[in-house]
């Protein structure tokens, strides 16, 4: 499992078939915030037990309207 750092460029993992990600699938996305618990992000699923949840923006600086977990991303 790859974990990423703030400022790193990633993309939606090829094996991720979530239709909600189609608007930014295939784009380079920059990590702008990393959370590992509910105190660091209100949308964090406590069942994920420390797996990073990332807030992202595209190359034009537009914030992506959902946060993604590490398993949903891969290196760009």
N, C-alpha and C. Protein backbone atom coordinates (compact mmCIF):
# COMPACT_ATOMS: atom_id res chain seq x y z
N UNK A 1 0.85 -1.18 0.00
CA UNK A 1 0.00 0.00 0.00
C UNK A 1 0.89 1.24 0.00
N UNK A 2 0.67 2.11 -0.96
CA UNK A 2 1.41 3.37 -1.02
C UNK A 2 0.71 4.44 -0.20
N UNK A 3 1.46 5.10 0.65
CA UNK A 3 0.96 6.28 1.35
C UNK A 3 1.68 7.46 0.74
N UNK A 4 0.99 8.57 0.65
CA UNK A 4 1.51 9.75 -0.03
C UNK A 4 1.65 10.92 0.94
N UNK A 5 2.40 11.93 0.53
CA UNK A 5 2.65 13.10 1.35
C UNK A 5 1.98 14.33 0.75
N UNK A 6 1.74 15.30 1.61
CA UNK A 6 1.21 16.58 1.16
C UNK A 6 2.14 17.16 0.10
N UNK A 7 1.57 17.64 -0.99
CA UNK A 7 2.35 18.21 -2.09
C UNK A 7 2.65 17.23 -3.20
N UNK A 8 2.46 15.95 -2.97
CA UNK A 8 2.76 14.92 -3.96
C UNK A 8 1.64 14.85 -5.00
N UNK A 9 2.01 14.49 -6.23
CA UNK A 9 1.05 14.33 -7.32
C UNK A 9 0.63 12.87 -7.43
N UNK A 10 -0.68 12.65 -7.53
CA UNK A 10 -1.25 11.31 -7.61
C UNK A 10 -2.34 11.31 -8.67
N UNK A 11 -2.94 10.15 -8.89
CA UNK A 11 -4.12 10.02 -9.76
C UNK A 11 -4.97 8.89 -9.20
N UNK A 12 -6.22 8.83 -9.66
CA UNK A 12 -7.11 7.76 -9.25
C UNK A 12 -6.52 6.44 -9.74
N UNK A 13 -6.48 5.44 -8.87
CA UNK A 13 -5.93 4.13 -9.22
C UNK A 13 -6.69 3.53 -10.39
N UNK A 14 -5.97 2.89 -11.29
CA UNK A 14 -6.59 2.29 -12.48
C UNK A 14 -7.66 1.27 -12.14
N UNK A 15 -7.49 0.54 -11.03
CA UNK A 15 -8.47 -0.49 -10.68
C UNK A 15 -9.64 0.05 -9.86
N UNK A 16 -9.69 1.35 -9.66
CA UNK A 16 -10.79 1.97 -8.91
C UNK A 16 -11.92 2.27 -9.89
N UNK A 17 -13.06 1.62 -9.69
CA UNK A 17 -14.17 1.76 -10.62
C UNK A 17 -15.32 2.62 -10.08
N UNK A 18 -15.04 3.47 -9.11
CA UNK A 18 -16.06 4.34 -8.54
C UNK A 18 -16.46 5.40 -9.57
N UNK A 19 -17.71 5.36 -10.02
CA UNK A 19 -18.19 6.29 -11.04
C UNK A 19 -18.17 7.74 -10.57
N UNK A 20 -18.18 7.98 -9.27
CA UNK A 20 -18.16 9.34 -8.75
C UNK A 20 -16.84 10.05 -9.05
N UNK A 21 -15.82 9.31 -9.44
CA UNK A 21 -14.51 9.89 -9.70
C UNK A 21 -14.26 10.17 -11.19
N UNK A 22 -15.25 9.89 -12.04
CA UNK A 22 -15.04 10.02 -13.47
C UNK A 22 -14.66 11.43 -13.92
N UNK A 23 -15.13 12.46 -13.21
CA UNK A 23 -14.84 13.84 -13.64
C UNK A 23 -13.36 14.21 -13.47
N UNK A 24 -12.64 13.48 -12.63
CA UNK A 24 -11.21 13.76 -12.46
C UNK A 24 -10.34 12.53 -12.66
N UNK A 25 -10.92 11.45 -13.13
CA UNK A 25 -10.14 10.23 -13.44
C UNK A 25 -9.15 10.54 -14.56
N UNK A 26 -7.93 10.08 -14.42
CA UNK A 26 -6.90 10.29 -15.44
C UNK A 26 -6.16 11.61 -15.30
N UNK A 27 -6.62 12.47 -14.39
CA UNK A 27 -5.95 13.75 -14.18
C UNK A 27 -4.91 13.64 -13.07
N UNK A 28 -3.87 14.47 -13.17
CA UNK A 28 -2.91 14.59 -12.07
C UNK A 28 -3.56 15.42 -10.97
N UNK A 29 -3.46 14.93 -9.76
CA UNK A 29 -4.05 15.59 -8.61
C UNK A 29 -2.99 15.80 -7.55
N UNK A 30 -3.02 16.96 -6.94
CA UNK A 30 -2.04 17.31 -5.91
C UNK A 30 -2.68 17.16 -4.53
N UNK A 31 -1.97 16.50 -3.63
CA UNK A 31 -2.45 16.33 -2.26
C UNK A 31 -2.26 17.65 -1.51
N UNK A 32 -3.37 18.16 -0.95
CA UNK A 32 -3.30 19.43 -0.24
C UNK A 32 -3.56 19.27 1.26
N UNK A 33 -4.02 18.10 1.67
CA UNK A 33 -4.24 17.83 3.11
C UNK A 33 -4.25 16.34 3.32
N UNK A 34 -3.65 15.89 4.43
CA UNK A 34 -3.63 14.48 4.79
C UNK A 34 -4.24 14.34 6.18
N UNK A 35 -5.22 13.43 6.31
CA UNK A 35 -5.87 13.17 7.60
C UNK A 35 -5.77 11.68 7.92
N UNK A 36 -5.63 11.37 9.21
CA UNK A 36 -5.56 9.97 9.63
C UNK A 36 -6.59 9.62 10.70
N UNK A 37 -7.47 10.59 11.00
CA UNK A 37 -8.51 10.31 11.99
C UNK A 37 -9.62 11.36 11.88
N UNK A 38 -10.69 11.16 12.63
CA UNK A 38 -11.86 12.04 12.58
C UNK A 38 -11.53 13.45 13.07
N UNK A 39 -10.53 13.59 13.95
CA UNK A 39 -10.15 14.92 14.43
C UNK A 39 -9.48 15.75 13.34
N UNK A 40 -8.87 15.09 12.37
CA UNK A 40 -8.17 15.79 11.29
C UNK A 40 -9.04 16.00 10.06
N UNK A 41 -10.18 15.30 9.98
CA UNK A 41 -11.09 15.43 8.83
C UNK A 41 -12.48 14.94 9.25
N UNK A 42 -13.49 15.80 9.16
CA UNK A 42 -14.83 15.41 9.62
C UNK A 42 -15.45 14.25 8.83
N UNK A 43 -14.99 14.00 7.62
CA UNK A 43 -15.52 12.92 6.80
C UNK A 43 -14.78 11.61 6.95
N UNK A 44 -13.82 11.56 7.85
CA UNK A 44 -13.00 10.36 8.00
C UNK A 44 -13.85 9.21 8.55
N UNK A 45 -13.72 8.04 7.93
CA UNK A 45 -14.41 6.83 8.38
C UNK A 45 -13.55 6.18 9.46
N UNK A 46 -14.05 6.16 10.70
CA UNK A 46 -13.27 5.63 11.82
C UNK A 46 -12.87 4.17 11.62
N UNK A 47 -13.58 3.45 10.77
CA UNK A 47 -13.25 2.06 10.48
C UNK A 47 -11.99 1.90 9.63
N UNK A 48 -11.47 2.99 9.10
CA UNK A 48 -10.27 2.91 8.26
C UNK A 48 -8.99 2.86 9.07
N UNK A 49 -9.06 3.06 10.38
CA UNK A 49 -7.96 2.84 11.32
C UNK A 49 -6.60 3.37 10.87
N UNK A 50 -6.49 4.66 10.69
CA UNK A 50 -5.19 5.27 10.40
C UNK A 50 -4.80 5.37 8.95
N UNK A 51 -5.59 4.81 8.03
CA UNK A 51 -5.26 4.95 6.61
C UNK A 51 -5.45 6.41 6.21
N UNK A 52 -4.49 6.99 5.52
CA UNK A 52 -4.60 8.39 5.15
C UNK A 52 -5.79 8.67 4.23
N UNK A 53 -6.45 9.79 4.51
CA UNK A 53 -7.51 10.34 3.68
C UNK A 53 -6.98 11.66 3.13
N UNK A 54 -7.06 11.82 1.82
CA UNK A 54 -6.44 12.96 1.17
C UNK A 54 -7.46 13.93 0.57
N UNK A 55 -7.21 15.22 0.77
CA UNK A 55 -7.91 16.26 0.03
C UNK A 55 -7.01 16.61 -1.14
N UNK A 56 -7.62 16.88 -2.29
CA UNK A 56 -6.87 17.01 -3.53
C UNK A 56 -7.30 18.23 -4.33
N UNK A 57 -6.39 18.68 -5.20
CA UNK A 57 -6.73 19.71 -6.18
C UNK A 57 -6.13 19.31 -7.52
N UNK A 58 -6.74 19.80 -8.62
CA UNK A 58 -6.21 19.49 -9.94
C UNK A 58 -5.09 20.47 -10.31
N UNK A 59 -4.55 20.33 -11.50
CA UNK A 59 -3.41 21.15 -11.92
C UNK A 59 -3.76 22.62 -12.08
N UNK A 60 -5.05 22.94 -12.19
CA UNK A 60 -5.49 24.33 -12.29
C UNK A 60 -5.80 24.93 -10.91
N UNK A 61 -5.63 24.14 -9.85
CA UNK A 61 -5.88 24.63 -8.51
C UNK A 61 -7.32 24.47 -8.04
N UNK A 62 -8.13 23.74 -8.81
CA UNK A 62 -9.52 23.48 -8.43
C UNK A 62 -9.56 22.35 -7.41
N UNK A 63 -10.20 22.58 -6.29
CA UNK A 63 -10.30 21.56 -5.26
C UNK A 63 -11.29 20.48 -5.70
N UNK A 64 -10.89 19.23 -5.57
CA UNK A 64 -11.74 18.08 -5.89
C UNK A 64 -12.81 17.99 -4.80
N UNK A 65 -14.06 17.75 -5.19
CA UNK A 65 -15.18 17.83 -4.26
C UNK A 65 -15.37 16.61 -3.35
N UNK A 66 -14.43 15.70 -3.37
CA UNK A 66 -14.47 14.58 -2.42
C UNK A 66 -13.04 14.22 -2.04
N UNK A 67 -12.91 13.58 -0.89
CA UNK A 67 -11.60 13.15 -0.41
C UNK A 67 -11.44 11.66 -0.71
N UNK A 68 -10.21 11.23 -0.96
CA UNK A 68 -9.96 9.84 -1.30
C UNK A 68 -8.95 9.23 -0.35
N UNK A 69 -9.14 7.94 -0.07
CA UNK A 69 -8.21 7.19 0.78
C UNK A 69 -7.04 6.69 -0.04
N UNK A 70 -5.97 6.32 0.64
CA UNK A 70 -4.73 5.89 0.00
C UNK A 70 -4.95 4.75 -1.00
N UNK A 71 -5.81 3.79 -0.66
CA UNK A 71 -6.01 2.65 -1.56
C UNK A 71 -6.70 3.03 -2.86
N UNK A 72 -7.28 4.23 -2.94
CA UNK A 72 -7.97 4.68 -4.13
C UNK A 72 -7.06 5.43 -5.09
N UNK A 73 -5.81 5.64 -4.70
CA UNK A 73 -4.88 6.46 -5.47
C UNK A 73 -3.61 5.71 -5.83
N UNK A 74 -2.92 6.23 -6.82
CA UNK A 74 -1.60 5.73 -7.18
C UNK A 74 -0.74 6.92 -7.61
N UNK A 75 0.56 6.71 -7.66
CA UNK A 75 1.51 7.74 -8.04
C UNK A 75 1.21 8.21 -9.46
N UNK A 76 1.27 9.53 -9.67
CA UNK A 76 1.01 10.08 -11.02
C UNK A 76 2.25 10.03 -11.88
